[in-house]
Amino acid sequence: MAEYDFPEDLIAAQLEMHRTRAAYRALCETLPWSVVPLPGYERPEGHHYPFRREDSPGYTEEQAEQEARLRARMRELSIQIGTHPFWDTLSGPDVVAARSALKHVHDTPADEADAAA
């Protein structure tokens, strides 16, 4: 993979995106299946695979605010990263390769991870 000289603000935004997305995923795993209170349901026995959902109490006000805040921050970061002036310095396939490289700029190489253990 080619090396790119990413600006520090772009790297910082990508790191914040990783962290925000992880926080959003963790939150979503704790949320009820429906935003608003809804009764549960069940697929019939003869269906492709049986499935049952319990009643959903809906999101609390705090859960809804936290979900909206994290989703809005991911959208802001996505715009900040996607429209950064650095991308104008590249063309063609380099843009795609650089965008992919940016997503992995914080990955720890296997050799360093083994040495730290």
PDB file of N, CA and C in Angstrom:
ATOM      1  N   MET A   1       0.844  -1.181   0.000  1.00  0.00           N
ATOM      2  CA  MET A   1       0.000   0.000   0.000  1.00  0.00           C
ATOM      3  C   MET A   1       0.888   1.243   0.000  1.00  0.00           C
ATOM      4  N   ALA A   2       0.534   2.218  -0.788  1.00  0.00           N
ATOM      5  CA  ALA A   2       1.309   3.447  -0.901  1.00  0.00           C
ATOM      6  C   ALA A   2       1.221   4.253   0.393  1.00  0.00           C
ATOM      7  N   GLU A   3       2.251   5.018   0.644  1.00  0.00           N
ATOM      8  CA  GLU A   3       2.281   5.891   1.815  1.00  0.00           C
ATOM      9  C   GLU A   3       1.781   7.275   1.395  1.00  0.00           C
ATOM     10  N   TYR A   4       0.985   7.876   2.246  1.00  0.00           N
ATOM     11  CA  TYR A   4       0.459   9.205   1.965  1.00  0.00           C
ATOM     12  C   TYR A   4       0.806  10.114   3.134  1.00  0.00           C
ATOM     13  N   ASP A   5       1.060  11.365   2.814  1.00  0.00           N
ATOM     14  CA  ASP A   5       1.395  12.350   3.835  1.00  0.00           C
ATOM     15  C   ASP A   5       0.110  13.082   4.224  1.00  0.00           C
ATOM     16  N   PHE A   6      -0.712  12.399   5.039  1.00  0.00           N
ATOM     17  CA  PHE A   6      -1.992  12.978   5.437  1.00  0.00           C
ATOM     18  C   PHE A   6      -1.773  14.129   6.411  1.00  0.00           C
ATOM     19  N   PRO A   7      -2.532  15.207   6.265  1.00  0.00           N
ATOM     20  CA  PRO A   7      -2.450  16.314   7.225  1.00  0.00           C
ATOM     21  C   PRO A   7      -2.944  15.838   8.602  1.00  0.00           C
ATOM     22  N   GLU A   8      -2.390  16.439   9.646  1.00  0.00           N
ATOM     23  CA  GLU A   8      -2.735  16.031  11.013  1.00  0.00           C
ATOM     24  C   GLU A   8      -4.230  16.187  11.311  1.00  0.00           C
ATOM     25  N   ASP A   9      -4.860  17.267  10.801  1.00  0.00           N
ATOM     26  CA  ASP A   9      -6.284  17.465  11.091  1.00  0.00           C
ATOM     27  C   ASP A   9      -7.146  16.390  10.431  1.00  0.00           C
ATOM     28  N   LEU A  10      -6.715  15.895   9.290  1.00  0.00           N
ATOM     29  CA  LEU A  10      -7.443  14.823   8.611  1.00  0.00           C
ATOM     30  C   LEU A  10      -7.289  13.510   9.377  1.00  0.00           C
ATOM     31  N   ILE A  11      -6.087  13.244   9.854  1.00  0.00           N
ATOM     32  CA  ILE A  11      -5.843  12.037  10.657  1.00  0.00           C
ATOM     33  C   ILE A  11      -6.656  12.096  11.946  1.00  0.00           C
ATOM     34  N   ALA A  12      -6.669  13.258  12.581  1.00  0.00           N
ATOM     35  CA  ALA A  12      -7.420  13.420  13.831  1.00  0.00           C
ATOM     36  C   ALA A  12      -8.921  13.224  13.602  1.00  0.00           C
ATOM     37  N   ALA A  13      -9.429  13.753  12.500  1.00  0.00           N
ATOM     38  CA  ALA A  13     -10.850  13.589  12.184  1.00  0.00           C
ATOM     39  C   ALA A  13     -11.184  12.117  11.934  1.00  0.00           C
ATOM     40  N   GLN A  14     -10.297  11.407  11.260  1.00  0.00           N
ATOM     41  CA  GLN A  14     -10.536   9.985  10.995  1.00  0.00           C
ATOM     42  C   GLN A  14     -10.515   9.185  12.299  1.00  0.00           C
ATOM     43  N   LEU A  15      -9.602   9.509  13.196  1.00  0.00           N
ATOM     44  CA  LEU A  15      -9.547   8.824  14.483  1.00  0.00           C
ATOM     45  C   LEU A  15     -10.827   9.093  15.276  1.00  0.00           C
ATOM     46  N   GLU A  16     -11.271  10.342  15.267  1.00  0.00           N
ATOM     47  CA  GLU A  16     -12.518  10.663  15.966  1.00  0.00           C
ATOM     48  C   GLU A  16     -13.698   9.930  15.329  1.00  0.00           C
ATOM     49  N   MET A  17     -13.671   9.772  14.011  1.00  0.00           N
ATOM     50  CA  MET A  17     -14.736   9.030  13.330  1.00  0.00           C
ATOM     51  C   MET A  17     -14.743   7.577  13.804  1.00  0.00           C
ATOM     52  N   HIS A  18     -13.576   6.948  13.887  1.00  0.00           N
ATOM     53  CA  HIS A  18     -13.498   5.570  14.380  1.00  0.00           C
ATOM     54  C   HIS A  18     -14.084   5.464  15.787  1.00  0.00           C
ATOM     55  N   ARG A  19     -13.699   6.387  16.648  1.00  0.00           N
ATOM     56  CA  ARG A  19     -14.159   6.353  18.039  1.00  0.00           C
ATOM     57  C   ARG A  19     -15.656   6.630  18.146  1.00  0.00           C
ATOM     58  N   THR A  20     -16.128   7.581  17.375  1.00  0.00           N
ATOM     59  CA  THR A  20     -17.548   7.918  17.409  1.00  0.00           C
ATOM     60  C   THR A  20     -18.384   6.768  16.869  1.00  0.00           C
ATOM     61  N   ARG A  21     -17.927   6.156  15.787  1.00  0.00           N
ATOM     62  CA  ARG A  21     -18.656   5.025  15.215  1.00  0.00           C
ATOM     63  C   ARG A  21     -18.691   3.848  16.193  1.00  0.00           C
ATOM     64  N   ALA A  22     -17.601   3.613  16.904  1.00  0.00           N
ATOM     65  CA  ALA A  22     -17.567   2.534  17.898  1.00  0.00           C
ATOM     66  C   ALA A  22     -18.536   2.829  19.046  1.00  0.00           C
ATOM     67  N   ALA A  23     -18.579   4.074  19.484  1.00  0.00           N
ATOM     68  CA  ALA A  23     -19.517   4.456  20.544  1.00  0.00           C
ATOM     69  C   ALA A  23     -20.953   4.311  20.068  1.00  0.00           C
ATOM     70  N   TYR A  24     -21.213   4.664  18.816  1.00  0.00           N
ATOM     71  CA  TYR A  24     -22.559   4.544  18.251  1.00  0.00           C
ATOM     72  C   TYR A  24     -22.985   3.079  18.176  1.00  0.00           C
ATOM     73  N   ARG A  25     -22.088   2.225  17.696  1.00  0.00           N
ATOM     74  CA  ARG A  25     -22.392   0.786  17.629  1.00  0.00           C
ATOM     75  C   ARG A  25     -22.677   0.218  19.010  1.00  0.00           C
ATOM     76  N   ALA A  26     -21.841   0.589  19.987  1.00  0.00           N
ATOM     77  CA  ALA A  26     -22.036   0.098  21.351  1.00  0.00           C
ATOM     78  C   ALA A  26     -23.384   0.568  21.904  1.00  0.00           C
ATOM     79  N   LEU A  27     -23.738   1.806  21.652  1.00  0.00           N
ATOM     80  CA  LEU A  27     -25.031   2.315  22.108  1.00  0.00           C
ATOM     81  C   LEU A  27     -26.167   1.550  21.450  1.00  0.00           C
ATOM     82  N   CYS A  28     -26.085   1.377  20.140  1.00  0.00           N
ATOM     83  CA  CYS A  28     -27.164   0.713  19.402  1.00  0.00           C
ATOM     84  C   CYS A  28     -27.412  -0.716  19.890  1.00  0.00           C
ATOM     85  N   GLU A  29     -26.364  -1.378  20.351  1.00  0.00           N
ATOM     86  CA  GLU A  29     -26.530  -2.735  20.867  1.00  0.00           C
ATOM     87  C   GLU A  29     -27.348  -2.763  22.154  1.00  0.00           C
ATOM     88  N   THR A  30     -27.440  -1.634  22.859  1.00  0.00           N
ATOM     89  CA  THR A  30     -28.185  -1.578  24.116  1.00  0.00           C
ATOM     90  C   THR A  30     -29.594  -1.037  23.946  1.00  0.00           C
ATOM     91  N   LEU A  31     -29.904  -0.489  22.778  1.00  0.00           N
ATOM     92  CA  LEU A  31     -31.200   0.152  22.572  1.00  0.00           C
ATOM     93  C   LEU A  31     -32.306  -0.869  22.294  1.00  0.00           C
ATOM     94  N   PRO A  32     -33.544  -0.515  22.658  1.00  0.00           N
ATOM     95  CA  PRO A  32     -34.681  -1.360  22.276  1.00  0.00           C
ATOM     96  C   PRO A  32     -34.791  -1.421  20.755  1.00  0.00           C
ATOM     97  N   TRP A  33     -35.495  -2.415  20.241  1.00  0.00           N
ATOM     98  CA  TRP A  33     -35.566  -2.597  18.792  1.00  0.00           C
ATOM     99  C   TRP A  33     -36.403  -1.533  18.103  1.00  0.00           C
ATOM    100  N   SER A  34     -37.210  -0.801  18.839  1.00  0.00           N
ATOM    101  CA  SER A  34     -38.034   0.249  18.246  1.00  0.00           C
ATOM    102  C   SER A  34     -37.816   1.562  18.985  1.00  0.00           C
ATOM    103  N   VAL A  35     -37.793   2.651  18.234  1.00  0.00           N
ATOM    104  CA  VAL A  35     -37.618   3.973  18.825  1.00  0.00           C
ATOM    105  C   VAL A  35     -38.820   4.333  19.693  1.00  0.00           C
ATOM    106  N   VAL A  36     -39.996   3.997  19.227  1.00  0.00           N
ATOM    107  CA  VAL A  36     -41.229   4.278  19.965  1.00  0.00           C
ATOM    108  C   VAL A  36     -41.773   2.975  20.549  1.00  0.00           C
ATOM    109  N   PRO A  37     -42.561   3.055  21.609  1.00  0.00           N
ATOM    110  CA  PRO A  37     -43.126   1.827  22.171  1.00  0.00           C
ATOM    111  C   PRO A  37     -43.997   1.103  21.139  1.00  0.00           C
ATOM    112  N   LEU A  38     -43.731  -0.185  20.967  1.00  0.00           N
ATOM    113  CA  LEU A  38     -44.514  -1.012  20.044  1.00  0.00           C
ATOM    114  C   LEU A  38     -44.690  -2.402  20.655  1.00  0.00           C
ATOM    115  N   PRO A  39     -45.811  -3.040  20.327  1.00  0.00           N
ATOM    116  CA  PRO A  39     -45.994  -4.404  20.827  1.00  0.00           C
ATOM    117  C   PRO A  39     -45.064  -5.361  20.098  1.00  0.00           C
ATOM    118  N   GLY A  40     -44.736  -6.443  20.768  1.00  0.00           N
ATOM    119  CA  GLY A  40     -43.891  -7.456  20.159  1.00  0.00           C
ATOM    120  C   GLY A  40     -44.644  -8.200  19.073  1.00  0.00           C
ATOM    121  N   TYR A  41     -43.947  -9.063  18.369  1.00  0.00           N
ATOM    122  CA  TYR A  41     -44.579  -9.866  17.323  1.00  0.00           C
ATOM    123  C   TYR A  41     -43.833 -11.169  17.165  1.00  0.00           C
ATOM    124  N   GLU A  42     -44.454 -12.074  16.445  1.00  0.00           N
ATOM    125  CA  GLU A  42     -43.865 -13.387  16.254  1.00  0.00           C
ATOM    126  C   GLU A  42     -44.165 -13.871  14.844  1.00  0.00           C
ATOM    127  N   ARG A  43     -43.177 -14.437  14.196  1.00  0.00           N
ATOM    128  CA  ARG A  43     -43.399 -15.061  12.894  1.00  0.00           C
ATOM    129  C   ARG A  43     -43.953 -16.457  13.142  1.00  0.00           C
ATOM    130  N   PRO A  44     -44.841 -16.895  12.282  1.00  0.00           N
ATOM    131  CA  PRO A  44     -45.440 -18.218  12.513  1.00  0.00           C
ATOM    132  C   PRO A  44     -44.416 -19.346  12.404  1.00  0.00           C
ATOM    133  N   GLU A  45     -44.745 -20.468  13.006  1.00  0.00           N
ATOM    134  CA  GLU A  45     -43.871 -21.640  13.057  1.00  0.00           C
ATOM    135  C   GLU A  45     -43.443 -22.105  11.674  1.00  0.00           C
ATOM    136  N   GLY A  46     -44.336 -22.085  10.699  1.00  0.00           N
ATOM    137  CA  GLY A  46     -44.028 -22.579   9.363  1.00  0.00           C
ATOM    138  C   GLY A  46     -43.237 -21.604   8.513  1.00  0.00           C
ATOM    139  N   HIS A  47     -42.915 -20.442   9.040  1.00  0.00           N
ATOM    140  CA  HIS A  47     -42.162 -19.428   8.304  1.00  0.00           C
ATOM    141  C   HIS A  47     -40.732 -19.928   8.080  1.00  0.00           C
ATOM    142  N   HIS A  48     -40.002 -19.269   7.182  1.00  0.00           N
ATOM    143  CA  HIS A  48     -38.629 -19.673   6.846  1.00  0.00           C
ATOM    144  C   HIS A  48     -37.816 -19.965   8.104  1.00  0.00           C
ATOM    145  N   TYR A  49     -37.874 -19.081   9.049  1.00  0.00           N
ATOM    146  CA  TYR A  49     -37.305 -19.354  10.371  1.00  0.00           C
ATOM    147  C   TYR A  49     -38.167 -18.613  11.394  1.00  0.00           C
ATOM    148  N   PRO A  50     -38.503 -19.291  12.483  1.00  0.00           N
ATOM    149  CA  PRO A  50     -39.330 -18.646  13.511  1.00  0.00           C
ATOM    150  C   PRO A  50     -38.574 -17.491  14.154  1.00  0.00           C
ATOM    151  N   PHE A  51     -39.311 -16.473  14.529  1.00  0.00           N
ATOM    152  CA  PHE A  51     -38.699 -15.283  15.103  1.00  0.00           C
ATOM    153  C   PHE A  51     -39.680 -14.638  16.056  1.00  0.00           C
ATOM    154  N   ARG A  52     -39.174 -14.129  17.170  1.00  0.00           N
ATOM    155  CA  ARG A  52     -40.038 -13.467  18.144  1.00  0.00           C
ATOM    156  C   ARG A  52     -39.353 -12.223  18.687  1.00  0.00           C
ATOM    157  N   ARG A  53     -40.120 -11.154  18.765  1.00  0.00           N
ATOM    158  CA  ARG A  53     -39.648  -9.921  19.393  1.00  0.00           C
ATOM    159  C   ARG A  53     -40.564  -9.621  20.569  1.00  0.00           C
ATOM    160  N   GLU A  54     -39.936  -9.288  21.684  1.00  0.00           N
ATOM    161  CA  GLU A  54     -40.703  -8.874  22.858  1.00  0.00           C
ATOM    162  C   GLU A  54     -41.204  -7.445  22.640  1.00  0.00           C
ATOM    163  N   ASP A  55     -42.115  -6.996  23.483  1.00  0.00           N
ATOM    164  CA  ASP A  55     -42.585  -5.614  23.417  1.00  0.00           C
ATOM    165  C   ASP A  55     -41.398  -4.665  23.548  1.00  0.00           C
ATOM    166  N   SER A  56     -41.438  -3.566  22.797  1.00  0.00           N
ATOM    167  CA  SER A  56     -40.389  -2.559  22.888  1.00  0.00           C
ATOM    168  C   SER A  56     -40.899  -1.380  23.705  1.00  0.00           C
ATOM    169  N   PRO A  57     -40.158  -1.008  24.738  1.00  0.00           N
ATOM    170  CA  PRO A  57     -40.579   0.156  25.516  1.00  0.00           C
ATOM    171  C   PRO A  57     -40.277   1.470  24.794  1.00  0.00           C
ATOM    172  N   GLY A  58     -39.544   1.403  23.691  1.00  0.00           N
ATOM    173  CA  GLY A  58     -39.112   2.610  22.993  1.00  0.00           C
ATOM    174  C   GLY A  58     -37.880   3.195  23.671  1.00  0.00           C
ATOM    175  N   TYR A  59     -37.297   4.180  23.020  1.00  0.00           N
ATOM    176  CA  TYR A  59     -36.108   4.825  23.568  1.00  0.00           C
ATOM    177  C   TYR A  59     -36.518   5.775  24.692  1.00  0.00           C
ATOM    178  N   THR A  60     -35.658   5.890  25.684  1.00  0.00           N
ATOM    179  CA  THR A  60     -35.853   6.940  26.675  1.00  0.00           C
ATOM    180  C   THR A  60     -35.415   8.250  26.019  1.00  0.00           C
ATOM    181  N   GLU A  61     -35.747   9.352  26.652  1.00  0.00           N
ATOM    182  CA  GLU A  61     -35.342  10.654  26.110  1.00  0.00           C
ATOM    183  C   GLU A  61     -33.818  10.738  26.036  1.00  0.00           C
ATOM    184  N   GLU A  62     -33.147  10.227  27.060  1.00  0.00           N
ATOM    185  CA  GLU A  62     -31.686  10.246  27.085  1.00  0.00           C
ATOM    186  C   GLU A  62     -31.100   9.383  25.970  1.00  0.00           C
ATOM    187  N   GLN A  63     -31.664   8.197  25.743  1.00  0.00           N
ATOM    188  CA  GLN A  63     -31.174   7.318  24.666  1.00  0.00           C
ATOM    189  C   GLN A  63     -31.361   7.980  23.306  1.00  0.00           C
ATOM    190  N   ALA A  64     -32.526   8.588  23.089  1.00  0.00           N
ATOM    191  CA  ALA A  64     -32.802   9.249  21.812  1.00  0.00           C
ATOM    192  C   ALA A  64     -31.840  10.402  21.579  1.00  0.00           C
ATOM    193  N   GLU A  65     -31.557  11.182  22.626  1.00  0.00           N
ATOM    194  CA  GLU A  65     -30.633  12.308  22.491  1.00  0.00           C
ATOM    195  C   GLU A  65     -29.212  11.827  22.206  1.00  0.00           C
ATOM    196  N   GLN A  66     -28.793  10.775  22.915  1.00  0.00           N
ATOM    197  CA  GLN A  66     -27.441  10.252  22.710  1.00  0.00           C
ATOM    198  C   GLN A  66     -27.295   9.668  21.309  1.00  0.00           C
ATOM    199  N   GLU A  67     -28.301   8.930  20.838  1.00  0.00           N
ATOM    200  CA  GLU A  67     -28.251   8.352  19.488  1.00  0.00           C
ATOM    201  C   GLU A  67     -28.190   9.457  18.442  1.00  0.00           C
ATOM    202  N   ALA A  68     -29.024  10.474  18.601  1.00  0.00           N
ATOM    203  CA  ALA A  68     -29.049  11.588  17.641  1.00  0.00           C
ATOM    204  C   ALA A  68     -27.735  12.364  17.655  1.00  0.00           C
ATOM    205  N   ARG A  69     -27.169  12.564  18.844  1.00  0.00           N
ATOM    206  CA  ARG A  69     -25.906  13.305  18.964  1.00  0.00           C
ATOM    207  C   ARG A  69     -24.772  12.555  18.271  1.00  0.00           C
ATOM    208  N   LEU A  70     -24.673  11.247  18.512  1.00  0.00           N
ATOM    209  CA  LEU A  70     -23.601  10.467  17.882  1.00  0.00           C
ATOM    210  C   LEU A  70     -23.792  10.381  16.367  1.00  0.00           C
ATOM    211  N   ARG A  71     -25.026  10.196  15.931  1.00  0.00           N
ATOM    212  CA  ARG A  71     -25.300  10.121  14.489  1.00  0.00           C
ATOM    213  C   ARG A  71     -24.957  11.448  13.817  1.00  0.00           C
ATOM    214  N   ALA A  72     -25.311  12.561  14.466  1.00  0.00           N
ATOM    215  CA  ALA A  72     -25.001  13.882  13.907  1.00  0.00           C
ATOM    216  C   ALA A  72     -23.485  14.108  13.849  1.00  0.00           C
ATOM    217  N   ARG A  73     -22.774  13.653  14.881  1.00  0.00           N
ATOM    218  CA  ARG A  73     -21.320  13.826  14.884  1.00  0.00           C
ATOM    219  C   ARG A  73     -20.668  12.998  13.782  1.00  0.00           C
ATOM    220  N   MET A  74     -21.166  11.781  13.565  1.00  0.00           N
ATOM    221  CA  MET A  74     -20.630  10.970  12.466  1.00  0.00           C
ATOM    222  C   MET A  74     -20.870  11.652  11.120  1.00  0.00           C
ATOM    223  N   ARG A  75     -22.021  12.259  10.962  1.00  0.00           N
ATOM    224  CA  ARG A  75     -22.324  12.968   9.713  1.00  0.00           C
ATOM    225  C   ARG A  75     -21.378  14.158   9.538  1.00  0.00           C
ATOM    226  N   GLU A  76     -21.146  14.934  10.607  1.00  0.00           N
ATOM    227  CA  GLU A  76     -20.224  16.076  10.540  1.00  0.00           C
ATOM    228  C   GLU A  76     -18.809  15.629  10.175  1.00  0.00           C
ATOM    229  N   LEU A  77     -18.359  14.566  10.830  1.00  0.00           N
ATOM    230  CA  LEU A  77     -17.013  14.066  10.552  1.00  0.00           C
ATOM    231  C   LEU A  77     -16.898  13.523   9.135  1.00  0.00           C
ATOM    232  N   SER A  78     -17.937  12.867   8.677  1.00  0.00           N
ATOM    233  CA  SER A  78     -17.940  12.344   7.316  1.00  0.00           C
ATOM    234  C   SER A  78     -17.785  13.477   6.300  1.00  0.00           C
ATOM    235  N   ILE A  79     -18.490  14.559   6.529  1.00  0.00           N
ATOM    236  CA  ILE A  79     -18.383  15.727   5.638  1.00  0.00           C
ATOM    237  C   ILE A  79     -16.997  16.346   5.740  1.00  0.00           C
ATOM    238  N   GLN A  80     -16.500  16.490   6.976  1.00  0.00           N
ATOM    239  CA  GLN A  80     -15.165  17.076   7.187  1.00  0.00           C
ATOM    240  C   GLN A  80     -14.088  16.247   6.493  1.00  0.00           C
ATOM    241  N   ILE A  81     -14.174  14.934   6.619  1.00  0.00           N
ATOM    242  CA  ILE A  81     -13.176  14.053   6.009  1.00  0.00           C
ATOM    243  C   ILE A  81     -13.328  14.037   4.491  1.00  0.00           C
ATOM    244  N   GLY A  82     -14.552  13.893   4.020  1.00  0.00           N
ATOM    245  CA  GLY A  82     -14.796  13.756   2.582  1.00  0.00           C
ATOM    246  C   GLY A  82     -14.524  15.001   1.764  1.00  0.00           C
ATOM    247  N   THR A  83     -14.614  16.164   2.392  1.00  0.00           N
ATOM    248  CA  THR A  83     -14.407  17.418   1.655  1.00  0.00           C
ATOM    249  C   THR A  83     -13.080  18.092   2.006  1.00  0.00           C
ATOM    250  N   HIS A  84     -12.209  17.379   2.703  1.00  0.00           N
ATOM    251  CA  HIS A  84     -10.919  17.961   3.099  1.00  0.00           C
ATOM    252  C   HIS A  84     -10.114  18.333   1.848  1.00  0.00           C
ATOM    253  N   PRO A  85      -9.450  19.473   1.872  1.00  0.00           N
ATOM    254  CA  PRO A  85      -8.660  19.921   0.716  1.00  0.00           C
ATOM    255  C   PRO A  85      -7.552  18.944   0.294  1.00  0.00           C
ATOM    256  N   PHE A  86      -7.124  18.064   1.190  1.00  0.00           N
ATOM    257  CA  PHE A  86      -6.079  17.103   0.835  1.00  0.00           C
ATOM    258  C   PHE A  86      -6.470  16.276  -0.379  1.00  0.00           C
ATOM    259  N   TRP A  87      -7.738  15.937  -0.505  1.00  0.00           N
ATOM    260  CA  TRP A  87      -8.171  15.061  -1.609  1.00  0.00           C
ATOM    261  C   TRP A  87      -7.970  15.733  -2.964  1.00  0.00           C
ATOM    262  N   ASP A  88      -7.947  17.072  -2.994  1.00  0.00           N
ATOM    263  CA  ASP A  88      -7.731  17.791  -4.247  1.00  0.00           C
ATOM    264  C   ASP A  88      -6.296  17.653  -4.750  1.00  0.00           C
ATOM    265  N   THR A  89      -5.389  17.183  -3.892  1.00  0.00           N
ATOM    266  CA  THR A  89      -3.994  17.026  -4.301  1.00  0.00           C
ATOM    267  C   THR A  89      -3.759  15.697  -5.016  1.00  0.00           C
ATOM    268  N   LEU A  90      -4.770  14.854  -5.056  1.00  0.00           N
ATOM    269  CA  LEU A  90      -4.663  13.535  -5.683  1.00  0.00           C
ATOM    270  C   LEU A  90      -5.612  13.448  -6.863  1.00  0.00           C
ATOM    271  N   SER A  91      -5.395  12.435  -7.703  1.00  0.00           N
ATOM    272  CA  SER A  91      -6.316  12.230  -8.826  1.00  0.00           C
ATOM    273  C   SER A  91      -6.399  10.744  -9.152  1.00  0.00           C
ATOM    274  N   GLY A  92      -7.448  10.406  -9.856  1.00  0.00           N
ATOM    275  CA  GLY A  92      -7.642   9.039 -10.332  1.00  0.00           C
ATOM    276  C   GLY A  92      -7.661   8.012  -9.218  1.00  0.00           C
ATOM    277  N   PRO A  93      -7.048   6.861  -9.486  1.00  0.00           N
ATOM    278  CA  PRO A  93      -7.063   5.761  -8.515  1.00  0.00           C
ATOM    279  C   PRO A  93      -6.367   6.102  -7.194  1.00  0.00           C
ATOM    280  N   ASP A  94      -5.484   7.113  -7.211  1.00  0.00           N
ATOM    281  CA  ASP A  94      -4.811   7.506  -5.973  1.00  0.00           C
ATOM    282  C   ASP A  94      -5.800   7.999  -4.919  1.00  0.00           C
ATOM    283  N   VAL A  95      -6.878   8.630  -5.353  1.00  0.00           N
ATOM    284  CA  VAL A  95      -7.869   9.134  -4.402  1.00  0.00           C
ATOM    285  C   VAL A  95      -8.502   7.967  -3.647  1.00  0.00           C
ATOM    286  N   VAL A  96      -8.894   6.949  -4.375  1.00  0.00           N
ATOM    287  CA  VAL A  96      -9.529   5.778  -3.763  1.00  0.00           C
ATOM    288  C   VAL A  96      -8.542   5.071  -2.836  1.00  0.00           C
ATOM    289  N   ALA A  97      -7.323   4.887  -3.297  1.00  0.00           N
ATOM    290  CA  ALA A  97      -6.308   4.210  -2.486  1.00  0.00           C
ATOM    291  C   ALA A  97      -5.998   5.011  -1.220  1.00  0.00           C
ATOM    292  N   ALA A  98      -5.914   6.323  -1.351  1.00  0.00           N
ATOM    293  CA  ALA A  98      -5.609   7.168  -0.195  1.00  0.00           C
ATOM    294  C   ALA A  98      -6.760   7.165   0.808  1.00  0.00           C
ATOM    295  N   ARG A  99      -7.991   7.199   0.320  1.00  0.00           N
ATOM    296  CA  ARG A  99      -9.141   7.153   1.235  1.00  0.00           C
ATOM    297  C   ARG A  99      -9.161   5.842   2.007  1.00  0.00           C
ATOM    298  N   SER A 100      -8.820   4.754   1.337  1.00  0.00           N
ATOM    299  CA  SER A 100      -8.744   3.458   2.013  1.00  0.00           C
ATOM    300  C   SER A 100      -7.594   3.442   3.015  1.00  0.00           C
ATOM    301  N   ALA A 101      -6.466   4.012   2.634  1.00  0.00           N
ATOM    302  CA  ALA A 101      -5.303   4.049   3.525  1.00  0.00           C
ATOM    303  C   ALA A 101      -5.604   4.885   4.771  1.00  0.00           C
ATOM    304  N   LEU A 102      -6.327   5.982   4.612  1.00  0.00           N
ATOM    305  CA  LEU A 102      -6.651   6.836   5.754  1.00  0.00           C
ATOM    306  C   LEU A 102      -7.448   6.059   6.798  1.00  0.00           C
ATOM    307  N   LYS A 103      -8.353   5.210   6.353  1.00  0.00           N
ATOM    308  CA  LYS A 103      -9.168   4.442   7.291  1.00  0.00           C
ATOM    309  C   LYS A 103      -8.330   3.506   8.144  1.00  0.00           C
ATOM    310  N   HIS A 104      -7.138   3.146   7.669  1.00  0.00           N
ATOM    311  CA  HIS A 104      -6.281   2.201   8.384  1.00  0.00           C
ATOM    312  C   HIS A 104      -5.014   2.837   8.942  1.00  0.00           C
ATOM    313  N   VAL A 105      -4.932   4.158   8.901  1.00  0.00           N
ATOM    314  CA  VAL A 105      -3.721   4.845   9.340  1.00  0.00           C
ATOM    315  C   VAL A 105      -3.461   4.615  10.830  1.00  0.00           C
ATOM    316  N   HIS A 106      -4.483   4.306  11.607  1.00  0.00           N
ATOM    317  CA  HIS A 106      -4.313   4.081  13.043  1.00  0.00           C
ATOM    318  C   HIS A 106      -4.149   2.611  13.396  1.00  0.00           C
ATOM    319  N   ASP A 107      -4.207   1.731  12.412  1.00  0.00           N
ATOM    320  CA  ASP A 107      -4.017   0.306  12.683  1.00  0.00           C
ATOM    321  C   ASP A 107      -2.594   0.069  13.184  1.00  0.00           C
ATOM    322  N   THR A 108      -2.463  -0.832  14.127  1.00  0.00           N
ATOM    323  CA  THR A 108      -1.142  -1.197  14.631  1.00  0.00           C
ATOM    324  C   THR A 108      -0.626  -2.370  13.820  1.00  0.00           C
ATOM    325  N   PRO A 109       0.526  -2.236  13.198  1.00  0.00           N
ATOM    326  CA  PRO A 109       1.085  -3.373  12.462  1.00  0.00           C
ATOM    327  C   PRO A 109       1.284  -4.571  13.392  1.00  0.00           C
ATOM    328  N   ALA A 110       1.171  -5.760  12.863  1.00  0.00           N
ATOM    329  CA  ALA A 110       1.266  -6.989  13.653  1.00  0.00           C
ATOM    330  C   ALA A 110       2.593  -7.065  14.409  1.00  0.00           C
ATOM    331  N   ASP A 111       3.690  -6.648  13.781  1.00  0.00           N
ATOM    332  CA  ASP A 111       5.009  -6.701  14.424  1.00  0.00           C
ATOM    333  C   ASP A 111       5.050  -5.834  15.682  1.00  0.00           C
ATOM    334  N   GLU A 112       4.476  -4.622  15.595  1.00  0.00           N
ATOM    335  CA  GLU A 112       4.473  -3.720  16.747  1.00  0.00           C
ATOM    336  C   GLU A 112       3.568  -4.238  17.848  1.00  0.00           C
ATOM    337  N   ALA A 113       2.440  -4.838  17.474  1.00  0.00           N
ATOM    338  CA  ALA A 113       1.507  -5.376  18.462  1.00  0.00           C
ATOM    339  C   ALA A 113       2.149  -6.542  19.209  1.00  0.00           C
ATOM    340  N   ASP A 114       2.912  -7.376  18.502  1.00  0.00           N
ATOM    341  CA  ASP A 114       3.592  -8.497  19.143  1.00  0.00           C
ATOM    342  C   ASP A 114       4.689  -7.998  20.088  1.00  0.00           C
ATOM    343  N   ALA A 115       5.396  -6.965  19.679  1.00  0.00           N
ATOM    344  CA  ALA A 115       6.482  -6.431  20.489  1.00  0.00           C
ATOM    345  C   ALA A 115       5.951  -5.778  21.770  1.00  0.00           C
ATOM    346  N   ALA A 116       4.770  -5.169  21.685  1.00  0.00           N
ATOM    347  CA  ALA A 116       4.177  -4.497  22.847  1.00  0.00           C
ATOM    348  C   ALA A 116       3.635  -5.505  23.851  1.00  0.00           C
ATOM    349  N   ALA A 117       3.326  -6.708  23.409  1.00  0.00           N
ATOM    350  CA  ALA A 117       2.731  -7.714  24.315  1.00  0.00           C
ATOM    351  C   ALA A 117       3.705  -8.334  25.242  1.00  0.00           C
TER     352      ALA A 117
END
